[in-house]
Amino acid sequence: MSGVVVTKADAGAFAPCGWEGRDGVTAHVLWRGAHGARTALLKYPAKWRRDVPEYVDVDEALLALDGCLYINGTAFRDQAYAAFAPGAVRLASQAPDGALTLSFFAGAPSAKAGMTPQGLHDPSKDVRRSGLYFDGWDAGFEKINAPLWQAASARIKLLRREASGAETFIVGTLPLWRAAQAEKYALDLELLVIEGDLGWDGVDLGAHDHVYVPAGTPVGPFRSADGATLLIRSHGPFKAEAI
């Protein structure tokens, strides 16, 4: 367990995010990296809206966890995922009934009012909205090198593979599941429980709990009583090794 950082989904940990154009939005930062990079839960209050065009000058990815957030008229609900390359413009955003998202930022986030400066945004690096409720699970494990999850009869959905090799995917486990062995990862890894439960010796995780696992740190053997839907982000090509 040494080196593993567990952050619980504590409602009391939310605080005003302090970003321009995000009045009323609160954040629970789950992990901080170099150059301002962070992973955070963002909570949008009911009736929140932003009608001024804006852009964020760092890479941003989000997963809808609760409620619905509209961005440029597109609805993000039911675990919808998308990624926006630096400079992607938001003409309008709103959360009529409130929303909760898991958001990944490659640097310090800051919404800048106005249209995107020419040359800043490369739309080919955006990731369109996807998710289990839109296009289902992947047919197999051909896209992800995850033989341990495959052996556990888990299901998988690849959401994004970045130029750096970083991979983001969803895993679904069966109820009453227990892994045979502990494991470790070639690169740093983040895991968030979307639904259900996950645990191992000394750790019990529920919905929206987050774990940061440094490369080479043993974790597990995993177990789940009710089954779990997990969001995993590997900070490079995913590779797990049984130990």
Foldseek 3Di string as FASTA:
>chain_A
DPPKDKFAPDPVQWDCPPAPQQPPKTWRWDDADPQAWTKIKIKHAAFDKGQFKKFKQWKKKKFWQDAWKAFLNDIHHDGKIKIFHGQDITNMMTGNHMTIMIMTTPHNTHIGTDHGDPPRGDVVQIFDIDDCVRPHFDPDCPPAPDVQLVVQVKTKHWRDQDPQQKTKIKIKHAAFGWRPFKKFKQAKKKKAWSAFWKDAVPDIGGHGMMMIGGGPDIDDRMGGHHITIMIMIGPHGTDMDGD
